[in-house]
Protein backbone atom coordinates (compact mmCIF):
# COMPACT_ATOMS: atom_id res chain seq x y z
CA UNK A 1 -34.62 -64.08 -12.75
CA UNK A 2 -37.67 -62.01 -11.84
CA UNK A 3 -38.00 -60.91 -15.46
CA UNK A 4 -37.76 -64.52 -16.68
CA UNK A 5 -40.39 -65.62 -14.16
CA UNK A 6 -42.68 -62.82 -15.24
CA UNK A 7 -42.29 -63.75 -18.92
CA UNK A 8 -43.07 -67.42 -18.14
CA UNK A 9 -46.19 -66.41 -16.20
CA UNK A 10 -47.38 -64.19 -19.06
CA UNK A 11 -46.77 -66.99 -21.56
CA UNK A 12 -48.69 -69.51 -19.44
CA UNK A 13 -51.56 -67.08 -19.01
CA UNK A 14 -51.77 -66.48 -22.76
CA UNK A 15 -51.64 -70.21 -23.44
CA UNK A 16 -54.44 -70.98 -21.02
CA UNK A 17 -56.57 -68.13 -22.23
CA UNK A 18 -56.15 -69.36 -25.82
CA UNK A 19 -57.56 -72.74 -24.84
CA UNK A 20 -61.27 -72.89 -25.43
CA UNK A 21 -63.93 -75.48 -24.77
CA UNK A 22 -65.07 -77.66 -27.67
CA UNK A 23 -68.60 -77.39 -26.28
CA UNK A 24 -69.12 -73.72 -27.02
CA UNK A 25 -66.32 -72.52 -29.35
CA UNK A 26 -64.77 -73.44 -32.67
CA UNK A 27 -61.29 -74.81 -32.00
CA UNK A 28 -58.15 -75.53 -33.97
CA UNK A 29 -57.28 -79.22 -33.86
CA UNK A 30 -55.32 -81.84 -35.78
CA UNK A 31 -57.42 -84.91 -36.62
CA UNK A 32 -56.04 -88.40 -37.19
CA UNK A 33 -58.48 -90.85 -38.73
CA UNK A 34 -58.68 -94.45 -39.93
CA UNK A 35 -61.48 -95.28 -42.33
CA UNK A 36 -63.14 -97.95 -44.45
CA UNK A 37 -64.77 -97.27 -47.80
CA UNK A 38 -66.79 -99.30 -50.26
CA UNK A 39 -66.35 -98.18 -53.86
CA UNK A 40 -67.81 -98.86 -57.29
CA UNK A 41 -65.90 -98.40 -60.55
CA UNK A 42 -66.71 -95.87 -63.27
CA UNK A 43 -65.17 -94.72 -66.52
CA UNK A 44 -62.56 -97.10 -67.94
CA UNK A 45 -62.36 -99.08 -64.69
CA UNK A 46 -65.79 -100.61 -65.33
CA UNK A 47 -64.39 -102.94 -68.01
CA UNK A 48 -61.52 -104.09 -65.78
CA UNK A 49 -62.68 -104.34 -62.14
CA UNK A 50 -65.76 -104.86 -60.00
CA UNK A 51 -66.61 -103.21 -56.68
CA UNK A 52 -63.81 -102.86 -54.15
CA UNK A 53 -63.02 -102.06 -50.53
CA UNK A 54 -60.69 -99.30 -49.38
CA UNK A 55 -58.80 -98.59 -46.15
CA UNK A 56 -57.40 -95.13 -45.53
CA UNK A 57 -55.28 -93.20 -43.03
CA UNK A 58 -55.63 -89.42 -42.87
CA UNK A 59 -54.14 -86.43 -41.08
CA UNK A 60 -56.32 -83.32 -41.23
CA UNK A 61 -56.20 -79.90 -39.61
CA UNK A 62 -59.36 -77.99 -38.69
CA UNK A 63 -58.99 -74.26 -38.10
CA UNK A 64 -61.14 -72.04 -35.90
CA UNK A 65 -62.53 -70.49 -39.11
CA UNK A 66 -63.68 -73.97 -40.28
CA UNK A 67 -60.99 -74.41 -42.95
CA UNK A 68 -59.99 -78.07 -43.45
CA UNK A 69 -56.56 -79.06 -44.80
CA UNK A 70 -55.33 -82.64 -44.95
CA UNK A 71 -53.25 -85.42 -46.44
CA UNK A 72 -54.21 -89.08 -46.78
CA UNK A 73 -53.19 -92.41 -48.21
CA UNK A 74 -55.46 -95.30 -49.11
CA UNK A 75 -55.15 -98.92 -50.21
CA UNK A 76 -57.98 -100.41 -52.28
CA UNK A 77 -58.58 -104.05 -53.14
CA UNK A 78 -61.13 -106.30 -54.80
CA UNK A 79 -61.66 -109.84 -56.09
CA UNK A 80 -63.45 -109.22 -59.40
CA UNK A 81 -61.34 -109.05 -62.58
CA UNK A 82 -63.39 -108.63 -65.76
CA UNK A 83 -60.55 -108.41 -68.28
CA UNK A 84 -59.26 -111.72 -69.67
CA UNK A 85 -55.58 -110.82 -69.58
CA UNK A 86 -54.42 -114.46 -69.91
CA UNK A 87 -56.26 -115.14 -73.16
CA UNK A 88 -53.10 -115.83 -75.18
CA UNK A 89 -51.97 -118.67 -72.86
CA UNK A 90 -55.43 -120.10 -72.14
CA UNK A 91 -57.26 -123.07 -73.67
CA UNK A 92 -60.61 -122.75 -75.43
CA UNK A 93 -62.23 -123.42 -72.04
CA UNK A 94 -60.44 -120.46 -70.50
CA UNK A 95 -58.01 -122.46 -68.34
CA UNK A 96 -54.22 -122.36 -68.24
CA UNK A 97 -52.29 -125.65 -68.37
CA UNK A 98 -49.47 -126.03 -65.85
CA UNK A 99 -46.27 -128.04 -66.10
CA UNK A 100 -48.03 -131.04 -64.56
CA UNK A 101 -50.52 -131.15 -67.43
CA UNK A 102 -53.38 -130.04 -65.22
CA UNK A 103 -55.32 -126.80 -65.15
CA UNK A 104 -53.43 -124.35 -62.96
CA UNK A 105 -55.08 -122.48 -60.10
CA UNK A 106 -54.53 -118.79 -60.90
CA UNK A 107 -56.55 -116.40 -58.71
CA UNK A 108 -56.41 -112.72 -59.69
CA UNK A 109 -57.17 -109.64 -57.60
CA UNK A 110 -57.51 -105.88 -57.88
CA UNK A 111 -54.84 -103.96 -55.97
CA UNK A 112 -54.23 -100.22 -55.84
CA UNK A 113 -53.42 -97.18 -53.74
CA UNK A 114 -53.87 -93.42 -53.66
CA UNK A 115 -51.98 -90.53 -52.07
CA UNK A 116 -53.59 -87.09 -52.01
CA UNK A 117 -53.84 -83.70 -50.34
CA UNK A 118 -57.20 -82.10 -49.60
CA UNK A 119 -58.63 -78.64 -48.98
CA UNK A 120 -62.17 -77.89 -47.82
CA UNK A 121 -64.38 -76.52 -45.12
CA UNK A 122 -67.14 -77.18 -42.63
CA UNK A 123 -70.71 -75.97 -42.27
CA UNK A 124 -71.07 -76.27 -38.50
CA UNK A 125 -74.11 -77.02 -36.37
CA UNK A 126 -74.97 -75.73 -32.89
CA UNK A 127 -75.44 -79.27 -31.56
CA UNK A 128 -73.63 -81.12 -30.14
CA UNK A 129 -71.03 -78.33 -30.48
CA UNK A 130 -69.68 -75.83 -33.05
CA UNK A 131 -67.00 -78.32 -34.16
CA UNK A 132 -69.38 -80.83 -35.75
CA UNK A 133 -71.15 -80.46 -39.07
CA UNK A 134 -71.11 -80.96 -42.83
CA UNK A 135 -67.59 -81.32 -44.26
CA UNK A 136 -66.72 -80.86 -47.94
CA UNK A 137 -63.30 -81.46 -49.47
CA UNK A 138 -61.55 -81.39 -52.83
CA UNK A 139 -58.10 -82.79 -53.46
CA UNK A 140 -55.46 -83.93 -55.88
CA UNK A 141 -52.73 -86.54 -55.85
CA UNK A 142 -51.67 -89.87 -57.36
CA UNK A 143 -53.46 -93.16 -58.06
CA UNK A 144 -52.07 -96.54 -59.09
CA UNK A 145 -53.71 -99.92 -59.67
CA UNK A 146 -52.92 -103.27 -61.21
CA UNK A 147 -54.08 -106.87 -61.48
CA UNK A 148 -52.35 -109.11 -58.95
CA UNK A 149 -51.77 -112.56 -60.44
CA UNK A 150 -51.06 -115.49 -58.15
CA UNK A 151 -50.08 -118.94 -59.40
CA UNK A 152 -50.77 -121.58 -56.76
CA UNK A 153 -47.83 -124.01 -56.88
CA UNK A 154 -45.80 -121.77 -59.26
CA UNK A 155 -46.15 -124.34 -62.04
CA UNK A 156 -46.79 -122.03 -65.02
CA UNK A 157 -43.49 -120.82 -66.58
CA UNK A 158 -45.33 -118.20 -68.65
CA UNK A 159 -46.32 -116.53 -65.38
CA UNK A 160 -42.98 -116.43 -63.60
CA UNK A 161 -42.35 -113.29 -61.55
CA UNK A 162 -40.81 -111.33 -64.43
CA UNK A 163 -43.41 -112.40 -67.01
CA UNK A 164 -46.34 -111.40 -64.79
CA UNK A 165 -45.51 -107.77 -65.53
CA UNK A 166 -46.64 -108.33 -69.11
CA UNK A 167 -50.13 -109.19 -67.88
CA UNK A 168 -50.75 -107.12 -64.73
CA UNK A 169 -51.86 -103.86 -66.46
CA UNK A 170 -49.91 -101.61 -64.06
CA UNK A 171 -51.61 -98.23 -64.42
CA UNK A 172 -51.13 -94.88 -62.67
CA UNK A 173 -51.53 -91.14 -63.03
CA UNK A 174 -52.92 -87.87 -61.70
CA UNK A 175 -55.85 -88.00 -59.26
CA UNK A 176 -58.70 -85.62 -58.39
CA UNK A 177 -60.97 -86.24 -55.37
CA UNK A 178 -64.21 -84.85 -53.97
CA UNK A 179 -66.04 -85.76 -50.75
CA UNK A 180 -69.08 -84.65 -48.79
CA UNK A 181 -70.06 -85.94 -45.37
CA UNK A 182 -70.81 -85.35 -41.71
CA UNK A 183 -68.16 -85.11 -38.97
CA UNK A 184 -69.05 -85.55 -35.30
CA UNK A 185 -66.66 -84.52 -32.52
CA UNK A 186 -68.11 -85.35 -29.12
CA UNK A 187 -67.91 -83.08 -26.10
CA UNK A 188 -66.10 -85.73 -24.06
CA UNK A 189 -63.74 -87.12 -26.75
CA UNK A 190 -65.20 -90.62 -26.40
CA UNK A 191 -66.98 -90.81 -29.76
CA UNK A 192 -65.66 -89.06 -32.86
CA UNK A 193 -66.56 -90.19 -36.36
CA UNK A 194 -67.18 -89.24 -39.99
CA UNK A 195 -69.36 -90.72 -42.71
CA UNK A 196 -69.90 -89.48 -46.22
CA UNK A 197 -69.75 -89.92 -49.98
CA UNK A 198 -66.70 -89.61 -52.19
CA UNK A 199 -65.64 -89.62 -55.83
CA UNK A 200 -62.14 -90.16 -57.27
CA UNK A 201 -61.11 -89.49 -60.88
CA UNK A 202 -57.77 -90.79 -62.12
CA UNK A 203 -56.25 -89.60 -65.39
CA UNK A 204 -54.01 -92.58 -66.01
CA UNK A 205 -52.10 -94.72 -68.48
CA UNK A 206 -50.68 -98.24 -68.62
CA UNK A 207 -47.02 -98.08 -67.54
CA UNK A 208 -45.81 -101.43 -68.90
CA UNK A 209 -43.67 -101.32 -72.04
CA UNK A 210 -45.38 -104.40 -73.52
CA UNK A 211 -48.59 -106.39 -72.87
CA UNK A 212 -48.13 -110.03 -73.90
CA UNK A 213 -51.78 -110.77 -74.56
CA UNK A 214 -52.14 -107.66 -76.75
CA UNK A 215 -48.70 -108.22 -78.35
CA UNK A 216 -48.22 -104.45 -78.20
CA UNK A 217 -47.77 -101.56 -75.79
CA UNK A 218 -50.99 -100.05 -74.48
CA UNK A 219 -50.67 -96.26 -74.90
CA UNK A 220 -54.34 -95.33 -74.48
CA UNK A 221 -55.24 -92.54 -72.05
CA UNK A 222 -57.69 -93.62 -69.35
CA UNK A 223 -60.19 -91.99 -67.03
CA UNK A 224 -60.51 -94.29 -64.01
CA UNK A 225 -63.33 -93.40 -61.59
CA UNK A 226 -64.15 -94.73 -58.14
CA UNK A 227 -67.18 -93.56 -56.17
CA UNK A 228 -68.76 -94.76 -52.98
CA UNK A 229 -69.20 -94.26 -49.23
CA UNK A 230 -66.71 -94.02 -46.35
CA UNK A 231 -66.91 -94.21 -42.55
CA UNK A 232 -64.05 -93.11 -40.28
CA UNK A 233 -63.01 -93.22 -36.65
CA UNK A 234 -61.36 -89.94 -35.63
CA UNK A 235 -58.80 -89.12 -32.95
CA UNK A 236 -58.80 -85.33 -32.28
CA UNK A 237 -55.60 -83.92 -30.75
CA UNK A 238 -56.85 -80.67 -29.23
CA UNK A 239 -55.95 -79.56 -25.70
CA UNK A 240 -58.66 -79.47 -23.10
CA UNK A 241 -59.40 -76.09 -21.58
CA UNK A 242 -58.80 -75.90 -17.79
CA UNK A 243 -62.53 -75.79 -17.00
CA UNK A 244 -63.08 -79.10 -18.78
CA UNK A 245 -60.93 -80.93 -16.23
CA UNK A 246 -63.41 -80.04 -13.47
CA UNK A 247 -66.81 -80.02 -15.16
CA UNK A 248 -67.08 -83.67 -16.29
């Protein structure tokens, strides 16, 4: 029992001595963040969508040597559709006639998501502490987007649930990401945030077997680009050093 007690004491001592203050030392910490981004399209996305918003959840790990490793998932959405995918069922005025003989109300939206892993680093500053500074990341993963078609009243047989797939331009593929920004971790944990710039490049292709308006399968390779700015709220999960419990 004495040996076990001694081992426990040694373990506790090592654990406490490994804990350092965020104020004066670089620490290892997991970081959970929720963010909002505003993005503009580039590449082949310019002819299909307008600007969009993006929400993202991330889990990142910062090492004492300023290495940053993370995973994240985002959902992006917009209201501007530039491509006239319903041309083959539209009148000369651009409307679609419903079963009631009236023009149908058919709003369309941009919808998409990304999943990626990231690897990067930090250039730290002395103030407010060695755990805040310029963060740069590169990553890779998966991107998918499509046109969401809604028919108010469901009165257009040509746009029943199954037929919508022939118009929605479901597209996905390999994703590369780059970001550069500033991360702030406060000394008292009350305010932790990130803001920066980002760029996403998707190497994608239409995944539908047939597009009704084109009367063919779209097999063209695409380069879909999104670039913009992002701001995040961060929850750091590091342990406080013993001295921090008494110095606030």
